[in-house]
């Protein structure tokens, strides 16, 4: 609860990842205001649309941000683009970095690979090769690299504003992004717990997961949690990587 952790920033997600992976319509972000009030959230993720033109997500944010701000919430913008539209995604980041009403900027495990031509699909269409998983694993690092090359990470505009949404194909992505830690404000992932529940321990391979990400959709309604030893081990691995953050 927020009362127990007053220094923790609570981002209320809009479930775009889950809805995209299920092949369903995006959730109406305006309905999230009441949810955010109930959990005392600090920010709300505005509507984003994976695999659609980057301007659609920008237009949606433009319409939502004033309403969210008027209710006392900070705005969280998550850039998206069509498959292979790298310029579009970078344009979206440029817009967000320079917009005074955007408080947090998402770096998504959907948006980054999609913009780089890695065809993310729904859970029901999952067929992953080793090369595919490695391309996805490197995609967020590549986007940060390109933002830096374009001068978009210079100065106060980009410092500590980015939030990494989810984890790709292994926990060592934390170490991979070490050069950009000063720009990353927060990071969320169910990886340690979900892999642990399914009996998967992080390992010593380059990504930290020999077989890549466990692709089954996270069951948020699971009644009996098993694999506590695996969960604790995985969480300790992540904690050790974050100790010098």
C-alpha atoms as a PDB file:
ATOM      1  CA  UNK A   1       0.000   0.000   0.000  1.00  0.00           C
ATOM      2  CA  UNK A   2       1.041   3.582  -0.623  1.00  0.00           C
ATOM      3  CA  UNK A   3       0.727   4.369   3.082  1.00  0.00           C
ATOM      4  CA  UNK A   4       3.335   1.713   3.856  1.00  0.00           C
ATOM      5  CA  UNK A   5       5.754   2.924   1.174  1.00  0.00           C
ATOM      6  CA  UNK A   6       5.369   6.716   0.914  1.00  0.00           C
ATOM      7  CA  UNK A   7       8.617   7.128  -1.044  1.00  0.00           C
ATOM      8  CA  UNK A   8       7.626   4.629  -3.727  1.00  0.00           C
ATOM      9  CA  UNK A   9       6.164   6.056  -6.941  1.00  0.00           C
ATOM     10  CA  UNK A  10       3.070   4.173  -8.114  1.00  0.00           C
ATOM     11  CA  UNK A  11       2.451   4.071 -11.869  1.00  0.00           C
ATOM     12  CA  UNK A  12      -1.028   2.827 -12.790  1.00  0.00           C
ATOM     13  CA  UNK A  13      -0.695   0.861 -16.038  1.00  0.00           C
ATOM     14  CA  UNK A  14      -3.302   0.805 -18.803  1.00  0.00           C
ATOM     15  CA  UNK A  15      -2.884  -2.922 -19.638  1.00  0.00           C
ATOM     16  CA  UNK A  16      -1.859  -2.196 -23.258  1.00  0.00           C
ATOM     17  CA  UNK A  17       0.636  -5.075 -23.203  1.00  0.00           C
ATOM     18  CA  UNK A  18      -1.927  -7.580 -21.954  1.00  0.00           C
ATOM     19  CA  UNK A  19      -4.654  -6.368 -24.330  1.00  0.00           C
ATOM     20  CA  UNK A  20      -2.284  -6.448 -27.320  1.00  0.00           C
ATOM     21  CA  UNK A  21      -1.075  -9.939 -26.457  1.00  0.00           C
ATOM     22  CA  UNK A  22      -4.700 -11.117 -26.183  1.00  0.00           C
ATOM     23  CA  UNK A  23      -5.562  -9.460 -29.498  1.00  0.00           C
ATOM     24  CA  UNK A  24      -8.208  -7.274 -27.828  1.00  0.00           C
ATOM     25  CA  UNK A  25      -9.094  -3.577 -28.015  1.00  0.00           C
ATOM     26  CA  UNK A  26      -7.086  -1.179 -25.872  1.00  0.00           C
ATOM     27  CA  UNK A  27      -8.589  -0.296 -22.500  1.00  0.00           C
ATOM     28  CA  UNK A  28     -10.234   3.120 -22.154  1.00  0.00           C
ATOM     29  CA  UNK A  29      -7.681   5.120 -20.142  1.00  0.00           C
ATOM     30  CA  UNK A  30     -10.300   7.587 -18.917  1.00  0.00           C
ATOM     31  CA  UNK A  31     -11.686   4.779 -16.743  1.00  0.00           C
ATOM     32  CA  UNK A  32      -8.333   4.519 -15.006  1.00  0.00           C
ATOM     33  CA  UNK A  33      -8.804   7.763 -13.084  1.00  0.00           C
ATOM     34  CA  UNK A  34     -11.136   6.119 -10.570  1.00  0.00           C
ATOM     35  CA  UNK A  35      -8.765   3.162 -10.210  1.00  0.00           C
ATOM     36  CA  UNK A  36      -5.847   5.513  -9.653  1.00  0.00           C
ATOM     37  CA  UNK A  37      -7.797   7.305  -6.932  1.00  0.00           C
ATOM     38  CA  UNK A  38      -8.586   4.021  -5.186  1.00  0.00           C
ATOM     39  CA  UNK A  39      -4.934   2.925  -5.020  1.00  0.00           C
ATOM     40  CA  UNK A  40      -3.503   6.418  -4.514  1.00  0.00           C
ATOM     41  CA  UNK A  41      -1.385   6.223  -7.677  1.00  0.00           C
ATOM     42  CA  UNK A  42       1.094   8.936  -8.601  1.00  0.00           C
ATOM     43  CA  UNK A  43       0.821   8.623 -12.373  1.00  0.00           C
ATOM     44  CA  UNK A  44      -1.393   7.015 -15.011  1.00  0.00           C
ATOM     45  CA  UNK A  45      -0.155   5.474 -18.242  1.00  0.00           C
ATOM     46  CA  UNK A  46      -2.000   7.213 -21.064  1.00  0.00           C
ATOM     47  CA  UNK A  47      -3.483   5.252 -23.981  1.00  0.00           C
ATOM     48  CA  UNK A  48      -0.929   3.692 -26.313  1.00  0.00           C
ATOM     49  CA  UNK A  49      -1.455   1.643 -29.446  1.00  0.00           C
ATOM     50  CA  UNK A  50       1.170  -0.986 -30.370  1.00  0.00           C
ATOM     51  CA  UNK A  51       1.699  -1.596 -34.111  1.00  0.00           C
ATOM     52  CA  UNK A  52      -0.284   1.505 -35.050  1.00  0.00           C
ATOM     53  CA  UNK A  53       1.029   4.774 -36.481  1.00  0.00           C
ATOM     54  CA  UNK A  54       3.048   6.660 -33.883  1.00  0.00           C
ATOM     55  CA  UNK A  55       0.848   9.764 -34.189  1.00  0.00           C
ATOM     56  CA  UNK A  56      -2.216   7.858 -32.912  1.00  0.00           C
ATOM     57  CA  UNK A  57      -0.582   7.378 -29.501  1.00  0.00           C
ATOM     58  CA  UNK A  58       0.615  11.002 -29.478  1.00  0.00           C
ATOM     59  CA  UNK A  59      -2.884  12.273 -30.316  1.00  0.00           C
ATOM     60  CA  UNK A  60      -4.435  10.132 -27.577  1.00  0.00           C
ATOM     61  CA  UNK A  61      -1.971  11.468 -25.006  1.00  0.00           C
ATOM     62  CA  UNK A  62      -2.631  15.055 -26.087  1.00  0.00           C
ATOM     63  CA  UNK A  63      -6.336  14.554 -25.394  1.00  0.00           C
ATOM     64  CA  UNK A  64      -5.829  12.775 -22.048  1.00  0.00           C
ATOM     65  CA  UNK A  65      -3.037  14.641 -20.301  1.00  0.00           C
ATOM     66  CA  UNK A  66      -5.015  17.716 -19.222  1.00  0.00           C
ATOM     67  CA  UNK A  67      -7.738  15.540 -17.681  1.00  0.00           C
ATOM     68  CA  UNK A  68      -5.208  13.409 -15.799  1.00  0.00           C
ATOM     69  CA  UNK A  69      -3.355  16.499 -14.557  1.00  0.00           C
ATOM     70  CA  UNK A  70      -6.586  18.143 -13.396  1.00  0.00           C
ATOM     71  CA  UNK A  71      -7.243  15.101 -11.191  1.00  0.00           C
ATOM     72  CA  UNK A  72      -3.811  15.421  -9.606  1.00  0.00           C
ATOM     73  CA  UNK A  73      -1.981  12.647 -11.479  1.00  0.00           C
ATOM     74  CA  UNK A  74       1.287  12.819 -13.344  1.00  0.00           C
ATOM     75  CA  UNK A  75       1.270  11.727 -16.968  1.00  0.00           C
ATOM     76  CA  UNK A  76       3.019   8.627 -18.270  1.00  0.00           C
ATOM     77  CA  UNK A  77       3.483   8.457 -22.044  1.00  0.00           C
ATOM     78  CA  UNK A  78       4.438   5.228 -23.821  1.00  0.00           C
ATOM     79  CA  UNK A  79       5.592   5.740 -27.454  1.00  0.00           C
ATOM     80  CA  UNK A  80       4.497   3.204 -30.074  1.00  0.00           C
ATOM     81  CA  UNK A  81       4.825   2.794 -33.844  1.00  0.00           C
ATOM     82  CA  UNK A  82       4.010   0.546 -36.757  1.00  0.00           C
ATOM     83  CA  UNK A  83       6.186  -2.497 -37.455  1.00  0.00           C
ATOM     84  CA  UNK A  84       9.598  -1.357 -38.676  1.00  0.00           C
ATOM     85  CA  UNK A  85       8.862   2.363 -38.272  1.00  0.00           C
ATOM     86  CA  UNK A  86      11.962   3.321 -36.300  1.00  0.00           C
ATOM     87  CA  UNK A  87      11.786   6.985 -37.324  1.00  0.00           C
ATOM     88  CA  UNK A  88       8.207   7.138 -36.106  1.00  0.00           C
ATOM     89  CA  UNK A  89       9.116   5.762 -32.693  1.00  0.00           C
ATOM     90  CA  UNK A  90      12.042   8.176 -32.345  1.00  0.00           C
ATOM     91  CA  UNK A  91       9.763  11.066 -33.390  1.00  0.00           C
ATOM     92  CA  UNK A  92       7.393  10.011 -30.635  1.00  0.00           C
ATOM     93  CA  UNK A  93      10.207  10.021 -28.061  1.00  0.00           C
ATOM     94  CA  UNK A  94      11.362  13.427 -29.264  1.00  0.00           C
ATOM     95  CA  UNK A  95       7.834  14.778 -28.828  1.00  0.00           C
ATOM     96  CA  UNK A  96       7.573  13.377 -25.310  1.00  0.00           C
ATOM     97  CA  UNK A  97      11.023  14.516 -24.156  1.00  0.00           C
ATOM     98  CA  UNK A  98      10.295  18.095 -25.150  1.00  0.00           C
ATOM     99  CA  UNK A  99       6.648  18.252 -24.016  1.00  0.00           C
ATOM    100  CA  UNK A 100       6.314  20.058 -20.671  1.00  0.00           C
ATOM    101  CA  UNK A 101       3.234  18.075 -19.629  1.00  0.00           C
ATOM    102  CA  UNK A 102       4.773  14.616 -20.050  1.00  0.00           C
ATOM    103  CA  UNK A 103       6.201  13.502 -16.709  1.00  0.00           C
ATOM    104  CA  UNK A 104       7.317   9.925 -17.403  1.00  0.00           C
ATOM    105  CA  UNK A 105       8.241   8.187 -20.656  1.00  0.00           C
ATOM    106  CA  UNK A 106       7.842   4.450 -21.145  1.00  0.00           C
ATOM    107  CA  UNK A 107      10.376   2.238 -22.898  1.00  0.00           C
ATOM    108  CA  UNK A 108       8.253  -0.743 -23.811  1.00  0.00           C
ATOM    109  CA  UNK A 109       9.120  -4.375 -24.502  1.00  0.00           C
ATOM    110  CA  UNK A 110       6.554  -4.129 -27.300  1.00  0.00           C
ATOM    111  CA  UNK A 111       7.433  -0.761 -28.831  1.00  0.00           C
ATOM    112  CA  UNK A 112      11.200  -1.241 -29.091  1.00  0.00           C
ATOM    113  CA  UNK A 113      11.304  -4.573 -30.943  1.00  0.00           C
ATOM    114  CA  UNK A 114       8.321  -3.648 -33.132  1.00  0.00           C
ATOM    115  CA  UNK A 115       9.971  -0.409 -34.313  1.00  0.00           C
ATOM    116  CA  UNK A 116      13.140  -2.362 -35.098  1.00  0.00           C
ATOM    117  CA  UNK A 117      11.243  -4.861 -37.241  1.00  0.00           C
ATOM    118  CA  UNK A 118      10.886  -7.655 -34.682  1.00  0.00           C
ATOM    119  CA  UNK A 119       7.310  -8.792 -35.169  1.00  0.00           C
ATOM    120  CA  UNK A 120       5.755  -9.104 -31.707  1.00  0.00           C
ATOM    121  CA  UNK A 121       2.419 -10.912 -31.820  1.00  0.00           C
ATOM    122  CA  UNK A 122      -0.292 -12.210 -29.513  1.00  0.00           C
ATOM    123  CA  UNK A 123       0.253 -14.971 -26.956  1.00  0.00           C
ATOM    124  CA  UNK A 124      -1.697 -17.392 -29.167  1.00  0.00           C
ATOM    125  CA  UNK A 125       0.756 -16.913 -32.068  1.00  0.00           C
ATOM    126  CA  UNK A 126       3.992 -17.477 -30.172  1.00  0.00           C
ATOM    127  CA  UNK A 127       6.738 -19.274 -32.109  1.00  0.00           C
ATOM    128  CA  UNK A 128      10.179 -18.065 -31.017  1.00  0.00           C
ATOM    129  CA  UNK A 129      13.569 -18.940 -32.477  1.00  0.00           C
ATOM    130  CA  UNK A 130      16.777 -18.320 -30.573  1.00  0.00           C
ATOM    131  CA  UNK A 131      17.743 -15.538 -32.972  1.00  0.00           C
ATOM    132  CA  UNK A 132      14.336 -13.915 -32.518  1.00  0.00           C
ATOM    133  CA  UNK A 133      14.700 -13.887 -28.752  1.00  0.00           C
ATOM    134  CA  UNK A 134      18.172 -12.339 -28.963  1.00  0.00           C
ATOM    135  CA  UNK A 135      16.917  -9.605 -31.306  1.00  0.00           C
ATOM    136  CA  UNK A 136      14.158  -8.798 -28.811  1.00  0.00           C
ATOM    137  CA  UNK A 137      16.599  -8.886 -25.892  1.00  0.00           C
ATOM    138  CA  UNK A 138      18.817  -6.234 -27.543  1.00  0.00           C
ATOM    139  CA  UNK A 139      16.002  -3.990 -28.778  1.00  0.00           C
ATOM    140  CA  UNK A 140      15.593  -1.675 -25.767  1.00  0.00           C
ATOM    141  CA  UNK A 141      19.361  -1.191 -25.520  1.00  0.00           C
ATOM    142  CA  UNK A 142      19.354  -0.260 -29.221  1.00  0.00           C
ATOM    143  CA  UNK A 143      16.616   2.348 -28.764  1.00  0.00           C
ATOM    144  CA  UNK A 144      18.481   3.983 -25.870  1.00  0.00           C
ATOM    145  CA  UNK A 145      21.621   3.963 -28.016  1.00  0.00           C
ATOM    146  CA  UNK A 146      19.799   5.739 -30.862  1.00  0.00           C
ATOM    147  CA  UNK A 147      18.227   8.287 -28.520  1.00  0.00           C
ATOM    148  CA  UNK A 148      21.696   9.081 -27.231  1.00  0.00           C
ATOM    149  CA  UNK A 149      23.146   9.418 -30.734  1.00  0.00           C
ATOM    150  CA  UNK A 150      20.404  11.849 -31.680  1.00  0.00           C
ATOM    151  CA  UNK A 151      21.199  13.995 -28.656  1.00  0.00           C
ATOM    152  CA  UNK A 152      17.879  13.270 -26.973  1.00  0.00           C
ATOM    153  CA  UNK A 153      19.448  12.127 -23.705  1.00  0.00           C
ATOM    154  CA  UNK A 154      21.407  15.314 -23.113  1.00  0.00           C
ATOM    155  CA  UNK A 155      20.636  17.665 -20.257  1.00  0.00           C
ATOM    156  CA  UNK A 156      17.854  17.736 -17.702  1.00  0.00           C
ATOM    157  CA  UNK A 157      15.012  16.982 -20.151  1.00  0.00           C
ATOM    158  CA  UNK A 158      15.831  13.276 -20.297  1.00  0.00           C
ATOM    159  CA  UNK A 159      17.449  12.674 -16.910  1.00  0.00           C
ATOM    160  CA  UNK A 160      15.538  10.213 -14.721  1.00  0.00           C
ATOM    161  CA  UNK A 161      12.357  10.347 -16.791  1.00  0.00           C
ATOM    162  CA  UNK A 162      12.271   6.911 -18.396  1.00  0.00           C
ATOM    163  CA  UNK A 163      10.434   3.870 -17.094  1.00  0.00           C
ATOM    164  CA  UNK A 164      11.248   0.420 -18.477  1.00  0.00           C
ATOM    165  CA  UNK A 165       8.037  -1.517 -18.950  1.00  0.00           C
ATOM    166  CA  UNK A 166       8.578  -5.212 -18.407  1.00  0.00           C
ATOM    167  CA  UNK A 167      11.615  -7.342 -19.086  1.00  0.00           C
ATOM    168  CA  UNK A 168      12.570  -8.955 -22.382  1.00  0.00           C
ATOM    169  CA  UNK A 169      14.388 -12.287 -22.543  1.00  0.00           C
ATOM    170  CA  UNK A 170      16.433 -12.267 -19.362  1.00  0.00           C
ATOM    171  CA  UNK A 171      17.337 -10.369 -16.180  1.00  0.00           C
ATOM    172  CA  UNK A 172      20.782  -9.387 -17.463  1.00  0.00           C
ATOM    173  CA  UNK A 173      19.031  -6.712 -19.486  1.00  0.00           C
ATOM    174  CA  UNK A 174      19.494  -4.695 -16.274  1.00  0.00           C
ATOM    175  CA  UNK A 175      23.260  -4.911 -16.748  1.00  0.00           C
ATOM    176  CA  UNK A 176      22.974  -4.361 -20.491  1.00  0.00           C
ATOM    177  CA  UNK A 177      21.291  -1.002 -19.862  1.00  0.00           C
ATOM    178  CA  UNK A 178      23.809   0.081 -17.224  1.00  0.00           C
ATOM    179  CA  UNK A 179      25.134   2.952 -19.435  1.00  0.00           C
ATOM    180  CA  UNK A 180      21.624   4.447 -19.332  1.00  0.00           C
ATOM    181  CA  UNK A 181      20.756   3.951 -15.663  1.00  0.00           C
ATOM    182  CA  UNK A 182      21.062   7.689 -14.975  1.00  0.00           C
ATOM    183  CA  UNK A 183      18.120   8.248 -17.334  1.00  0.00           C
ATOM    184  CA  UNK A 184      15.922   5.442 -15.965  1.00  0.00           C
ATOM    185  CA  UNK A 185      13.612   6.509 -13.151  1.00  0.00           C
ATOM    186  CA  UNK A 186      11.905   3.160 -12.579  1.00  0.00           C
ATOM    187  CA  UNK A 187      11.451  -0.347 -13.979  1.00  0.00           C
ATOM    188  CA  UNK A 188       8.716  -2.931 -13.510  1.00  0.00           C
ATOM    189  CA  UNK A 189       8.636  -6.645 -14.236  1.00  0.00           C
ATOM    190  CA  UNK A 190       6.910  -9.773 -12.994  1.00  0.00           C
ATOM    191  CA  UNK A 191       9.750 -11.864 -14.450  1.00  0.00           C
ATOM    192  CA  UNK A 192      11.335 -13.045 -11.196  1.00  0.00           C
ATOM    193  CA  UNK A 193       8.000 -14.155  -9.734  1.00  0.00           C
ATOM    194  CA  UNK A 194       6.373 -15.556 -12.879  1.00  0.00           C
ATOM    195  CA  UNK A 195       9.435 -17.573 -13.866  1.00  0.00           C
ATOM    196  CA  UNK A 196       9.784 -18.778 -10.283  1.00  0.00           C
ATOM    197  CA  UNK A 197       6.151 -19.900 -10.101  1.00  0.00           C
ATOM    198  CA  UNK A 198       6.782 -21.923 -13.245  1.00  0.00           C
ATOM    199  CA  UNK A 199       9.918 -23.532 -11.785  1.00  0.00           C
ATOM    200  CA  UNK A 200      12.407 -21.510 -13.848  1.00  0.00           C
ATOM    201  CA  UNK A 201      15.562 -20.166 -12.199  1.00  0.00           C
ATOM    202  CA  UNK A 202      17.737 -17.465 -13.655  1.00  0.00           C
ATOM    203  CA  UNK A 203      21.036 -18.898 -14.894  1.00  0.00           C
ATOM    204  CA  UNK A 204      24.539 -17.888 -15.986  1.00  0.00           C
ATOM    205  CA  UNK A 205      23.834 -17.572 -19.706  1.00  0.00           C
ATOM    206  CA  UNK A 206      24.405 -14.166 -21.366  1.00  0.00           C
ATOM    207  CA  UNK A 207      20.752 -13.164 -20.931  1.00  0.00           C
ATOM    208  CA  UNK A 208      20.142 -14.987 -17.645  1.00  0.00           C
ATOM    209  CA  UNK A 209      17.517 -17.300 -19.163  1.00  0.00           C
ATOM    210  CA  UNK A 210      18.784 -20.184 -21.286  1.00  0.00           C
ATOM    211  CA  UNK A 211      15.469 -20.641 -23.094  1.00  0.00           C
ATOM    212  CA  UNK A 212      14.422 -17.009 -23.155  1.00  0.00           C
ATOM    213  CA  UNK A 213      11.307 -15.495 -21.686  1.00  0.00           C
ATOM    214  CA  UNK A 214       8.534 -17.845 -20.537  1.00  0.00           C
ATOM    215  CA  UNK A 215       5.876 -16.841 -23.049  1.00  0.00           C
ATOM    216  CA  UNK A 216       2.673 -17.910 -21.275  1.00  0.00           C
ATOM    217  CA  UNK A 217       0.503 -14.979 -20.218  1.00  0.00           C
ATOM    218  CA  UNK A 218       0.931 -14.015 -16.564  1.00  0.00           C
ATOM    219  CA  UNK A 219      -1.981 -15.268 -14.471  1.00  0.00           C
ATOM    220  CA  UNK A 220      -2.817 -12.372 -12.174  1.00  0.00           C
ATOM    221  CA  UNK A 221      -5.624 -14.392 -10.569  1.00  0.00           C
ATOM    222  CA  UNK A 222      -3.512 -17.349  -9.525  1.00  0.00           C
ATOM    223  CA  UNK A 223      -4.791 -18.718  -6.210  1.00  0.00           C
ATOM    224  CA  UNK A 224      -1.923 -20.902  -5.056  1.00  0.00           C
ATOM    225  CA  UNK A 225       1.639 -19.669  -5.513  1.00  0.00           C
ATOM    226  CA  UNK A 226       4.249 -22.402  -5.686  1.00  0.00           C
ATOM    227  CA  UNK A 227       8.000 -22.286  -6.280  1.00  0.00           C
ATOM    228  CA  UNK A 228       8.835 -19.884  -3.456  1.00  0.00           C
ATOM    229  CA  UNK A 229      12.457 -21.029  -3.446  1.00  0.00           C
ATOM    230  CA  UNK A 230      12.790 -20.228  -7.162  1.00  0.00           C
ATOM    231  CA  UNK A 231      11.022 -16.901  -6.682  1.00  0.00           C
ATOM    232  CA  UNK A 232      13.345 -15.872  -3.841  1.00  0.00           C
ATOM    233  CA  UNK A 233      16.402 -16.919  -5.843  1.00  0.00           C
ATOM    234  CA  UNK A 234      15.309 -14.916  -8.901  1.00  0.00           C
ATOM    235  CA  UNK A 235      14.506 -11.834  -6.821  1.00  0.00           C
ATOM    236  CA  UNK A 236      17.904 -12.008  -5.140  1.00  0.00           C
ATOM    237  CA  UNK A 237      19.566 -12.110  -8.566  1.00  0.00           C
ATOM    238  CA  UNK A 238      17.755  -8.929  -9.605  1.00  0.00           C
ATOM    239  CA  UNK A 239      18.465  -7.240  -6.261  1.00  0.00           C
ATOM    240  CA  UNK A 240      22.176  -7.933  -6.682  1.00  0.00           C
ATOM    241  CA  UNK A 241      22.148  -6.307 -10.125  1.00  0.00           C
ATOM    242  CA  UNK A 242      20.359  -3.229  -8.794  1.00  0.00           C
ATOM    243  CA  UNK A 243      22.453  -2.624  -5.646  1.00  0.00           C
ATOM    244  CA  UNK A 244      24.686  -0.054  -7.375  1.00  0.00           C
ATOM    245  CA  UNK A 245      21.845   1.561  -9.331  1.00  0.00           C
END
